[in-house]
Amino acid sequence: MKQRIVLLIILAVFMIGLLAGSVLSQPKVKFEQPVLITSAGQSADVTIAGMLFKRAGVQAKAIALAKTSDLDGVKTLVVVAGFSSKGLGAAGISREQELARVKSLLAAVQEKKLKVVMLHIGGKARRGNQSDDFNKMAAEASSYLLVVKQGDEDQFFSKIAAEKKISIDLVDKIADAVQPVGNAFAK
């Protein structure tokens, strides 16, 4: 009986490893510059993303409330997903207005055939009922997800990546995102 349980545990670990490996070993998509970084949920993480891109040597401008007209000349849109009620208040918009803005922007990106990268660097604080609408919308529109592991403890992003066949990198902390950003935009 104990041998069967041990065998089942080993099999389960092996299957989880295969699933994780299939998500993480997907071919990486390369992205072009210039880059527009925007928020989906108006968290301060968009400012941090701008600093990550600068440290990685990637030409990018950050516009938290980017509109479709801001896409002119852009090759890649980076969406920093995560809801912040303070951020929405500071921007003077409602959650519904922000959802509509992000939907409109993603529709324009699809029409222009631009690539989308989603960053989720806010961890657990940028998850939950208020955030996950933004997270899901941004993730499903993307070709690549870069996520701080703490924000994916429930496999929310990993499951989307597996289901939609989207490349994903999980990093331990925000500072660890610099190298994957540099690699994704390497010439």
Protein backbone atom coordinates (compact mmCIF):
# COMPACT_ATOMS: atom_id res chain seq x y z
CA MET A 1 0.00 0.00 0.00
CA LYS A 2 2.78 2.41 0.94
CA GLN A 3 4.60 1.60 -2.31
CA ARG A 4 1.51 2.52 -4.33
CA ILE A 5 1.18 5.86 -2.53
CA VAL A 6 4.86 6.63 -3.10
CA LEU A 7 4.50 5.63 -6.76
CA LEU A 8 1.43 7.87 -7.15
CA ILE A 9 3.26 10.80 -5.56
CA ILE A 10 6.25 10.29 -7.86
CA LEU A 11 3.94 10.08 -10.87
CA ALA A 12 2.11 13.25 -9.82
CA VAL A 13 5.37 15.16 -9.37
CA PHE A 14 6.56 13.91 -12.77
CA MET A 15 3.32 15.03 -14.46
CA ILE A 16 3.49 18.47 -12.83
CA GLY A 17 7.09 18.75 -14.01
CA LEU A 18 6.06 17.89 -17.56
CA LEU A 19 3.28 20.50 -17.50
CA ALA A 20 5.58 23.18 -16.09
CA GLY A 21 8.31 22.22 -18.52
CA SER A 22 5.98 22.46 -21.50
CA VAL A 23 4.95 25.97 -20.44
CA LEU A 24 8.46 27.17 -19.65
CA SER A 25 10.21 25.53 -22.59
CA GLN A 26 8.06 27.03 -25.31
CA PRO A 27 10.06 28.94 -27.90
CA LYS A 28 10.58 32.55 -26.95
CA VAL A 29 9.15 35.21 -29.17
CA LYS A 30 11.45 38.15 -29.95
CA PHE A 31 10.04 41.63 -29.70
CA GLU A 32 10.92 44.84 -31.48
CA GLN A 33 11.56 48.35 -30.23
CA PRO A 34 10.32 51.02 -29.72
CA VAL A 35 8.11 49.92 -26.88
CA LEU A 36 5.11 51.52 -25.26
CA ILE A 37 4.50 50.54 -21.63
CA THR A 38 1.04 51.08 -20.20
CA SER A 39 -0.98 50.02 -17.22
CA ALA A 40 -4.00 47.77 -17.04
CA GLY A 41 -5.49 48.72 -13.69
CA GLN A 42 -3.43 51.85 -12.94
CA SER A 43 -1.03 50.39 -10.38
CA ALA A 44 2.30 52.09 -9.72
CA ASP A 45 3.94 48.98 -11.19
CA VAL A 46 3.97 50.71 -14.58
CA THR A 47 6.65 53.11 -13.26
CA ILE A 48 8.73 50.19 -11.97
CA ALA A 49 8.38 48.49 -15.37
CA GLY A 50 9.76 51.61 -17.04
CA MET A 51 12.84 51.40 -14.80
CA LEU A 52 13.26 47.67 -15.57
CA PHE A 53 13.23 48.38 -19.30
CA LYS A 54 15.72 51.21 -18.89
CA ARG A 55 18.08 48.92 -16.90
CA ALA A 56 17.71 46.27 -19.63
CA GLY A 57 18.67 48.82 -22.30
CA VAL A 58 15.32 48.63 -24.07
CA GLN A 59 13.96 51.79 -25.74
CA ALA A 60 10.57 52.30 -24.11
CA LYS A 61 8.24 55.05 -23.02
CA ALA A 62 5.72 54.61 -20.23
CA ILE A 63 2.27 56.17 -20.50
CA ALA A 64 0.00 54.88 -17.74
CA LEU A 65 -3.18 56.02 -19.54
CA ALA A 66 -2.04 55.26 -23.09
CA LYS A 67 -4.64 55.69 -25.83
CA THR A 68 -4.78 54.18 -29.29
CA SER A 69 -3.18 57.35 -30.72
CA ASP A 70 -0.09 56.64 -28.57
CA LEU A 71 0.56 53.48 -30.60
CA ASP A 72 1.92 55.41 -33.60
CA GLY A 73 5.49 54.27 -34.29
CA VAL A 74 5.34 51.58 -31.59
CA LYS A 75 6.41 48.01 -32.39
CA THR A 76 5.50 46.34 -29.07
CA LEU A 77 2.99 47.14 -26.35
CA VAL A 78 3.89 46.14 -22.80
CA VAL A 79 0.89 45.90 -20.50
CA VAL A 80 1.62 46.04 -16.78
CA ALA A 81 -1.38 44.34 -15.23
CA GLY A 82 -2.71 44.94 -11.74
CA PHE A 83 -5.51 46.97 -10.20
CA SER A 84 -5.00 49.88 -7.81
CA SER A 85 -7.91 51.89 -6.45
CA LYS A 86 -5.45 54.64 -5.46
CA GLY A 87 -4.07 54.67 -8.99
CA LEU A 88 -7.53 54.93 -10.51
CA GLY A 89 -8.38 57.74 -8.10
CA ALA A 90 -5.20 59.63 -8.98
CA ALA A 91 -5.96 59.17 -12.70
CA GLY A 92 -9.53 60.40 -12.14
CA ILE A 93 -11.16 57.38 -13.79
CA SER A 94 -13.41 54.53 -12.71
CA ARG A 95 -12.63 50.83 -12.91
CA GLU A 96 -15.12 50.52 -15.78
CA GLN A 97 -13.45 53.35 -17.71
CA GLU A 98 -10.07 51.67 -17.24
CA LEU A 99 -11.44 48.32 -18.45
CA ALA A 100 -12.87 50.05 -21.53
CA ARG A 101 -9.57 51.86 -22.21
CA VAL A 102 -7.55 48.64 -21.99
CA LYS A 103 -10.02 46.74 -24.21
CA SER A 104 -9.89 49.51 -26.81
CA LEU A 105 -6.09 49.62 -26.72
CA LEU A 106 -5.77 45.84 -27.08
CA ALA A 107 -8.24 45.85 -29.98
CA ALA A 108 -6.18 48.54 -31.74
CA VAL A 109 -2.99 46.56 -31.13
CA GLN A 110 -4.58 43.47 -32.67
CA GLU A 111 -5.77 45.50 -35.66
CA LYS A 112 -2.26 46.93 -36.16
CA LYS A 113 -0.77 43.45 -35.67
CA LEU A 114 1.55 44.61 -32.91
CA LYS A 115 2.92 42.19 -30.35
CA VAL A 116 1.95 42.39 -26.70
CA VAL A 117 3.99 41.53 -23.61
CA MET A 118 2.34 41.35 -20.20
CA LEU A 119 4.22 42.04 -17.00
CA HIS A 120 2.76 41.13 -13.63
CA ILE A 121 5.27 42.33 -11.08
CA GLY A 122 3.02 43.32 -8.18
CA GLY A 123 2.74 39.85 -6.65
CA LYS A 124 -0.23 38.93 -4.45
CA ALA A 125 -1.16 42.59 -3.99
CA ARG A 126 -2.15 42.78 -7.67
CA ARG A 127 -4.31 39.66 -7.67
CA GLY A 128 -7.90 39.01 -6.62
CA ASN A 129 -11.35 40.06 -7.78
CA GLN A 130 -10.48 43.64 -8.70
CA SER A 131 -7.22 42.76 -10.50
CA ASP A 132 -7.89 39.47 -12.22
CA ASP A 133 -10.16 40.95 -14.93
CA PHE A 134 -7.22 43.12 -15.98
CA ASN A 135 -4.73 40.28 -15.53
CA LYS A 136 -6.73 37.84 -17.66
CA MET A 137 -7.45 40.37 -20.41
CA ALA A 138 -3.80 41.38 -20.68
CA ALA A 139 -2.43 37.84 -20.44
CA GLU A 140 -4.75 36.42 -23.10
CA ALA A 141 -3.80 39.21 -25.55
CA SER A 142 -0.07 38.63 -25.07
CA SER A 143 2.63 36.63 -26.80
CA TYR A 144 4.79 36.57 -23.69
CA LEU A 145 4.14 36.77 -19.94
CA LEU A 146 6.72 37.84 -17.38
CA VAL A 147 5.42 37.22 -13.87
CA VAL A 148 6.81 37.49 -10.35
CA LYS A 149 6.19 34.02 -8.86
CA GLN A 150 4.30 35.37 -5.85
CA GLY A 151 1.56 36.52 -8.25
CA ASP A 152 1.24 33.02 -9.72
CA GLU A 153 1.09 30.88 -6.59
CA ASP A 154 -2.31 29.57 -7.70
CA GLN A 155 -1.02 29.00 -11.27
CA PHE A 156 -3.38 31.70 -12.63
CA PHE A 157 -0.90 32.91 -15.25
CA SER A 158 0.70 29.52 -15.84
CA LYS A 159 -2.70 28.03 -16.70
CA ILE A 160 -3.47 30.83 -19.17
CA ALA A 161 -0.03 30.39 -20.73
CA ALA A 162 -0.50 26.63 -21.10
CA GLU A 163 -4.05 26.95 -22.44
CA LYS A 164 -3.24 29.71 -24.95
CA LYS A 165 0.30 28.45 -25.76
CA ILE A 166 1.89 31.69 -24.57
CA SER A 167 5.56 31.82 -23.51
CA ILE A 168 5.97 32.60 -19.81
CA ASP A 169 8.86 33.37 -17.50
CA LEU A 170 8.43 33.33 -13.74
CA VAL A 171 10.96 35.26 -11.65
CA ASP A 172 11.51 35.28 -7.90
CA LYS A 173 11.55 39.06 -7.48
CA ILE A 174 11.09 42.22 -9.53
CA ALA A 175 14.83 42.81 -9.94
CA ASP A 176 15.12 39.39 -11.60
CA ALA A 177 12.92 40.64 -14.46
CA VAL A 178 15.69 42.77 -16.02
CA GLN A 179 17.44 39.86 -17.75
CA PRO A 180 14.28 38.29 -19.25
CA VAL A 181 13.24 41.76 -20.51
CA GLY A 182 16.66 42.21 -22.12
CA ASN A 183 16.49 38.74 -23.67
CA ALA A 184 13.00 39.28 -25.07
CA PHE A 185 14.04 42.49 -26.82
CA ALA A 186 17.59 41.45 -27.84
CA LYS A 187 18.41 42.26 -31.43
